[in-house]
Amino acid sequence: MTEEQPLYLVLGAVGESGTINRLSIDFNGYETYVINAELKPNWGITYRGDDTVLVYDEVGRLESKIPFKKDKLTLSQGPGNIRISAEFSAQSDMKLEGYVRLKGKTELFNP
């Protein structure tokens, strides 16, 4: 039996101007999930392994809750690749930063 564990994901929009929209999360080139959120400078999202994505403003106030079409994202044991992509507004200086946390391990990334 393969051990699976839920994914905990935190992404932040770092920059002074512009927006980041339509975040896509790709697992091993097999499954892709889209989060239709608009992130303004220094806003962020959190996914905690359930059916909701939480959007926070620049001071950490909950701005909105976005229903997530899959009740739980799980990763199987063994190596895997997670790719995150998004749409950036014109003239944006924004970038995404964040981390993925699994049981006993945190993976930082700075795309």
N, C-alpha and C. Protein backbone atom coordinates (compact mmCIF):
# COMPACT_ATOMS: atom_id res chain seq x y z
N MET A 1 0.84 -1.18 0.00
CA MET A 1 0.00 0.00 0.00
C MET A 1 0.88 1.24 0.00
N THR A 2 0.56 2.20 -0.82
CA THR A 2 1.33 3.42 -0.93
C THR A 2 0.88 4.43 0.11
N GLU A 3 1.85 4.98 0.83
CA GLU A 3 1.52 6.01 1.81
C GLU A 3 1.28 7.33 1.08
N GLU A 4 0.17 7.97 1.38
CA GLU A 4 -0.13 9.28 0.81
C GLU A 4 -0.25 10.28 1.93
N GLN A 5 0.04 11.52 1.61
CA GLN A 5 -0.09 12.58 2.60
C GLN A 5 -0.60 13.84 1.94
N PRO A 6 -1.37 14.63 2.68
CA PRO A 6 -1.90 15.87 2.10
C PRO A 6 -0.81 16.90 1.89
N LEU A 7 -1.05 17.74 0.93
CA LEU A 7 -0.13 18.81 0.57
C LEU A 7 -0.54 20.08 1.29
N TYR A 8 0.43 20.80 1.85
CA TYR A 8 0.20 22.11 2.47
C TYR A 8 1.02 23.08 1.64
N LEU A 9 0.36 24.09 1.06
CA LEU A 9 1.01 25.00 0.12
C LEU A 9 0.78 26.44 0.54
N VAL A 10 1.85 27.23 0.56
CA VAL A 10 1.77 28.67 0.83
C VAL A 10 2.48 29.39 -0.29
N LEU A 11 1.78 30.34 -0.93
CA LEU A 11 2.36 31.15 -2.01
C LEU A 11 2.14 32.62 -1.70
N GLY A 12 3.15 33.44 -1.99
CA GLY A 12 3.02 34.87 -1.78
C GLY A 12 3.43 35.64 -3.01
N ALA A 13 2.73 36.75 -3.25
CA ALA A 13 3.03 37.65 -4.36
C ALA A 13 3.94 38.75 -3.82
N VAL A 14 5.20 38.72 -4.23
CA VAL A 14 6.18 39.67 -3.72
C VAL A 14 6.47 40.70 -4.81
N GLY A 15 6.37 41.97 -4.46
CA GLY A 15 6.64 43.03 -5.42
C GLY A 15 5.92 44.31 -5.04
N GLU A 16 6.10 45.32 -5.86
CA GLU A 16 5.54 46.64 -5.59
C GLU A 16 4.31 46.96 -6.44
N SER A 17 4.25 46.37 -7.64
CA SER A 17 3.13 46.73 -8.52
C SER A 17 2.73 45.55 -9.39
N GLY A 18 1.47 45.57 -9.79
CA GLY A 18 0.93 44.54 -10.66
C GLY A 18 0.08 43.55 -9.89
N THR A 19 -0.35 42.53 -10.60
CA THR A 19 -1.15 41.45 -10.00
C THR A 19 -0.70 40.11 -10.57
N ILE A 20 -1.01 39.07 -9.83
CA ILE A 20 -0.79 37.70 -10.27
C ILE A 20 -2.15 37.01 -10.27
N ASN A 21 -2.47 36.34 -11.36
CA ASN A 21 -3.78 35.69 -11.51
C ASN A 21 -3.61 34.25 -11.95
N ARG A 22 -4.70 33.52 -11.83
CA ARG A 22 -4.82 32.17 -12.39
C ARG A 22 -3.58 31.31 -12.12
N LEU A 23 -3.45 30.91 -10.88
CA LEU A 23 -2.34 30.07 -10.47
C LEU A 23 -2.61 28.62 -10.86
N SER A 24 -1.65 27.98 -11.50
CA SER A 24 -1.78 26.59 -11.90
C SER A 24 -0.76 25.75 -11.13
N ILE A 25 -1.23 24.63 -10.60
CA ILE A 25 -0.37 23.70 -9.87
C ILE A 25 -0.36 22.40 -10.65
N ASP A 26 0.82 21.98 -11.08
CA ASP A 26 0.96 20.78 -11.90
C ASP A 26 1.73 19.72 -11.10
N PHE A 27 1.17 18.52 -11.02
CA PHE A 27 1.79 17.41 -10.31
C PHE A 27 2.32 16.39 -11.30
N ASN A 28 3.64 16.29 -11.39
CA ASN A 28 4.31 15.27 -12.22
C ASN A 28 3.85 15.29 -13.68
N GLY A 29 3.37 16.43 -14.16
CA GLY A 29 2.91 16.51 -15.54
C GLY A 29 1.65 15.71 -15.81
N TYR A 30 1.00 15.25 -14.76
CA TYR A 30 -0.17 14.38 -14.90
C TYR A 30 -1.47 15.07 -14.53
N GLU A 31 -1.47 15.77 -13.40
CA GLU A 31 -2.67 16.47 -12.93
C GLU A 31 -2.36 17.95 -12.79
N THR A 32 -3.27 18.79 -13.25
CA THR A 32 -3.13 20.24 -13.12
C THR A 32 -4.39 20.81 -12.49
N TYR A 33 -4.19 21.66 -11.51
CA TYR A 33 -5.30 22.32 -10.82
C TYR A 33 -5.11 23.82 -10.95
N VAL A 34 -6.20 24.54 -11.19
CA VAL A 34 -6.15 25.98 -11.36
C VAL A 34 -6.84 26.65 -10.17
N ILE A 35 -6.18 27.65 -9.62
CA ILE A 35 -6.75 28.47 -8.55
C ILE A 35 -7.02 29.84 -9.14
N ASN A 36 -8.29 30.20 -9.25
CA ASN A 36 -8.67 31.49 -9.83
C ASN A 36 -8.68 32.56 -8.75
N ALA A 37 -7.51 33.04 -8.42
CA ALA A 37 -7.36 34.09 -7.42
C ALA A 37 -6.57 35.23 -8.03
N GLU A 38 -6.83 36.44 -7.57
CA GLU A 38 -6.03 37.59 -7.96
C GLU A 38 -5.22 38.02 -6.75
N LEU A 39 -3.90 37.99 -6.90
CA LEU A 39 -3.02 38.40 -5.82
C LEU A 39 -2.43 39.77 -6.12
N LYS A 40 -2.64 40.69 -5.22
CA LYS A 40 -2.05 42.02 -5.31
C LYS A 40 -0.70 42.00 -4.60
N PRO A 41 0.07 43.08 -4.68
CA PRO A 41 1.39 43.07 -4.03
C PRO A 41 1.31 42.65 -2.57
N ASN A 42 2.15 41.68 -2.24
CA ASN A 42 2.32 41.15 -0.88
C ASN A 42 1.11 40.41 -0.33
N TRP A 43 0.22 39.97 -1.20
CA TRP A 43 -0.88 39.11 -0.81
C TRP A 43 -0.40 37.66 -0.90
N GLY A 44 -1.17 36.75 -0.34
CA GLY A 44 -0.78 35.35 -0.38
C GLY A 44 -1.96 34.41 -0.34
N ILE A 45 -1.68 33.15 -0.66
CA ILE A 45 -2.70 32.12 -0.55
C ILE A 45 -2.14 30.97 0.28
N THR A 46 -3.07 30.24 0.90
CA THR A 46 -2.72 29.05 1.66
C THR A 46 -3.70 27.94 1.31
N TYR A 47 -3.14 26.77 1.05
CA TYR A 47 -3.96 25.58 0.86
C TYR A 47 -3.52 24.59 1.93
N ARG A 48 -4.46 24.09 2.74
CA ARG A 48 -4.14 23.26 3.90
C ARG A 48 -4.60 21.82 3.76
N GLY A 49 -4.78 21.36 2.55
CA GLY A 49 -5.14 19.97 2.34
C GLY A 49 -6.62 19.69 2.43
N ASP A 50 -7.45 20.73 2.29
CA ASP A 50 -8.89 20.51 2.36
C ASP A 50 -9.56 20.99 1.07
N ASP A 51 -10.78 21.51 1.15
CA ASP A 51 -11.51 21.91 -0.05
C ASP A 51 -11.57 23.42 -0.24
N THR A 52 -10.66 24.17 0.40
CA THR A 52 -10.69 25.62 0.34
C THR A 52 -9.28 26.19 0.21
N VAL A 53 -9.14 27.22 -0.63
CA VAL A 53 -7.91 28.01 -0.71
C VAL A 53 -8.20 29.34 -0.02
N LEU A 54 -7.34 29.73 0.89
CA LEU A 54 -7.52 30.98 1.63
C LEU A 54 -6.64 32.07 1.02
N VAL A 55 -7.21 33.26 0.80
CA VAL A 55 -6.48 34.39 0.23
C VAL A 55 -6.33 35.45 1.31
N TYR A 56 -5.10 35.89 1.54
CA TYR A 56 -4.80 36.89 2.58
C TYR A 56 -4.24 38.15 1.95
N ASP A 57 -4.59 39.30 2.54
CA ASP A 57 -4.07 40.58 2.04
C ASP A 57 -2.67 40.83 2.61
N GLU A 58 -2.14 42.02 2.34
CA GLU A 58 -0.76 42.33 2.69
C GLU A 58 -0.47 42.37 4.19
N VAL A 59 -1.49 42.47 5.02
CA VAL A 59 -1.27 42.47 6.47
C VAL A 59 -1.76 41.16 7.12
N GLY A 60 -2.12 40.19 6.30
CA GLY A 60 -2.51 38.88 6.82
C GLY A 60 -3.98 38.71 7.16
N ARG A 61 -4.82 39.67 6.75
CA ARG A 61 -6.27 39.53 6.95
C ARG A 61 -6.83 38.61 5.88
N LEU A 62 -7.76 37.77 6.29
CA LEU A 62 -8.42 36.88 5.32
C LEU A 62 -9.26 37.73 4.38
N GLU A 63 -8.92 37.67 3.10
CA GLU A 63 -9.61 38.45 2.08
C GLU A 63 -10.75 37.66 1.46
N SER A 64 -10.50 36.38 1.18
CA SER A 64 -11.55 35.54 0.59
C SER A 64 -11.22 34.06 0.76
N LYS A 65 -12.25 33.26 0.56
CA LYS A 65 -12.12 31.80 0.55
C LYS A 65 -12.57 31.33 -0.81
N ILE A 66 -11.73 30.52 -1.45
CA ILE A 66 -12.04 30.02 -2.79
C ILE A 66 -12.27 28.52 -2.69
N PRO A 67 -13.47 28.06 -3.08
CA PRO A 67 -13.70 26.62 -3.08
C PRO A 67 -12.72 25.94 -4.04
N PHE A 68 -12.19 24.82 -3.62
CA PHE A 68 -11.24 24.08 -4.44
C PHE A 68 -11.92 22.82 -4.92
N LYS A 69 -11.84 22.53 -6.21
CA LYS A 69 -12.63 21.46 -6.81
C LYS A 69 -12.26 20.06 -6.33
N LYS A 70 -11.10 19.91 -5.79
CA LYS A 70 -10.69 18.59 -5.29
C LYS A 70 -10.67 18.66 -3.78
N ASP A 71 -11.26 17.68 -3.12
CA ASP A 71 -11.39 17.77 -1.67
C ASP A 71 -10.06 17.65 -0.95
N LYS A 72 -9.07 17.03 -1.57
CA LYS A 72 -7.78 16.93 -0.92
C LYS A 72 -6.72 16.58 -1.95
N LEU A 73 -5.64 17.35 -1.99
CA LEU A 73 -4.51 17.00 -2.83
C LEU A 73 -3.57 16.15 -2.01
N THR A 74 -3.25 15.00 -2.51
CA THR A 74 -2.33 14.12 -1.80
C THR A 74 -1.18 13.75 -2.71
N LEU A 75 -0.05 13.52 -2.11
CA LEU A 75 1.13 13.08 -2.84
C LEU A 75 1.48 11.69 -2.38
N SER A 76 1.83 10.84 -3.33
CA SER A 76 2.25 9.48 -3.01
C SER A 76 3.71 9.48 -2.59
N GLN A 77 4.08 8.41 -1.92
CA GLN A 77 5.46 8.26 -1.47
C GLN A 77 6.38 8.19 -2.67
N GLY A 78 7.58 8.71 -2.54
CA GLY A 78 8.56 8.69 -3.62
C GLY A 78 8.76 10.06 -4.22
N PRO A 79 9.67 10.15 -5.20
CA PRO A 79 9.97 11.44 -5.80
C PRO A 79 8.79 11.97 -6.61
N GLY A 80 8.72 13.28 -6.68
CA GLY A 80 7.66 13.92 -7.45
C GLY A 80 8.05 15.33 -7.81
N ASN A 81 7.38 15.88 -8.79
CA ASN A 81 7.62 17.25 -9.22
C ASN A 81 6.33 18.04 -9.11
N ILE A 82 6.45 19.23 -8.56
CA ILE A 82 5.33 20.17 -8.49
C ILE A 82 5.77 21.43 -9.21
N ARG A 83 4.99 21.84 -10.21
CA ARG A 83 5.28 23.08 -10.93
C ARG A 83 4.14 24.06 -10.69
N ILE A 84 4.50 25.30 -10.44
CA ILE A 84 3.52 26.36 -10.22
C ILE A 84 3.72 27.40 -11.31
N SER A 85 2.65 27.78 -11.96
CA SER A 85 2.72 28.85 -12.96
C SER A 85 1.56 29.80 -12.71
N ALA A 86 1.64 30.98 -13.30
CA ALA A 86 0.61 32.00 -13.09
C ALA A 86 0.67 33.01 -14.22
N GLU A 87 -0.38 33.83 -14.28
CA GLU A 87 -0.42 34.95 -15.23
C GLU A 87 -0.07 36.21 -14.47
N PHE A 88 0.83 37.00 -15.03
CA PHE A 88 1.27 38.26 -14.42
C PHE A 88 0.76 39.42 -15.25
N SER A 89 0.29 40.47 -14.59
CA SER A 89 -0.20 41.64 -15.32
C SER A 89 0.96 42.35 -16.04
N ALA A 90 0.61 43.12 -17.08
CA ALA A 90 1.61 43.87 -17.83
C ALA A 90 2.33 44.85 -16.90
N GLN A 91 3.59 45.03 -17.12
CA GLN A 91 4.43 45.95 -16.34
C GLN A 91 4.54 45.55 -14.87
N SER A 92 4.28 44.31 -14.58
CA SER A 92 4.34 43.81 -13.20
C SER A 92 5.78 43.52 -12.80
N ASP A 93 6.13 43.86 -11.56
CA ASP A 93 7.43 43.47 -11.02
C ASP A 93 7.28 42.34 -10.01
N MET A 94 6.12 41.71 -10.02
CA MET A 94 5.78 40.69 -9.04
C MET A 94 6.50 39.37 -9.32
N LYS A 95 6.69 38.60 -8.26
CA LYS A 95 7.17 37.23 -8.38
C LYS A 95 6.49 36.40 -7.29
N LEU A 96 6.43 35.10 -7.51
CA LEU A 96 5.84 34.19 -6.54
C LEU A 96 6.93 33.59 -5.68
N GLU A 97 6.68 33.51 -4.40
CA GLU A 97 7.57 32.81 -3.48
C GLU A 97 6.69 31.97 -2.57
N GLY A 98 7.24 30.92 -2.02
CA GLY A 98 6.45 30.12 -1.12
C GLY A 98 7.12 28.83 -0.75
N TYR A 99 6.29 27.93 -0.20
CA TYR A 99 6.80 26.62 0.16
C TYR A 99 5.70 25.58 0.14
N VAL A 100 6.14 24.35 0.01
CA VAL A 100 5.27 23.18 0.09
C VAL A 100 5.72 22.42 1.33
N ARG A 101 4.76 22.05 2.15
CA ARG A 101 5.11 21.30 3.35
C ARG A 101 4.44 19.93 3.30
N LEU A 102 5.23 18.93 3.58
CA LEU A 102 4.75 17.57 3.70
C LEU A 102 5.08 17.08 5.10
N LYS A 103 4.60 15.93 5.45
CA LYS A 103 4.86 15.38 6.77
C LYS A 103 6.37 15.32 7.01
N GLY A 104 6.84 16.08 7.98
CA GLY A 104 8.24 16.03 8.38
C GLY A 104 9.20 16.77 7.47
N LYS A 105 8.72 17.48 6.45
CA LYS A 105 9.65 18.12 5.53
C LYS A 105 9.01 19.35 4.89
N THR A 106 9.78 20.42 4.76
CA THR A 106 9.34 21.63 4.08
C THR A 106 10.27 21.89 2.91
N GLU A 107 9.70 22.17 1.75
CA GLU A 107 10.48 22.49 0.55
C GLU A 107 10.22 23.94 0.17
N LEU A 108 11.27 24.79 0.25
CA LEU A 108 11.15 26.18 -0.15
C LEU A 108 11.37 26.30 -1.65
N PHE A 109 10.75 27.29 -2.25
CA PHE A 109 11.01 27.55 -3.64
C PHE A 109 10.90 29.04 -3.92
N ASN A 110 11.58 29.46 -4.95
CA ASN A 110 11.55 30.84 -5.39
C ASN A 110 11.65 30.78 -6.91
N PRO A 111 10.50 30.65 -7.58
CA PRO A 111 10.53 30.48 -9.04
C PRO A 111 11.12 31.66 -9.76
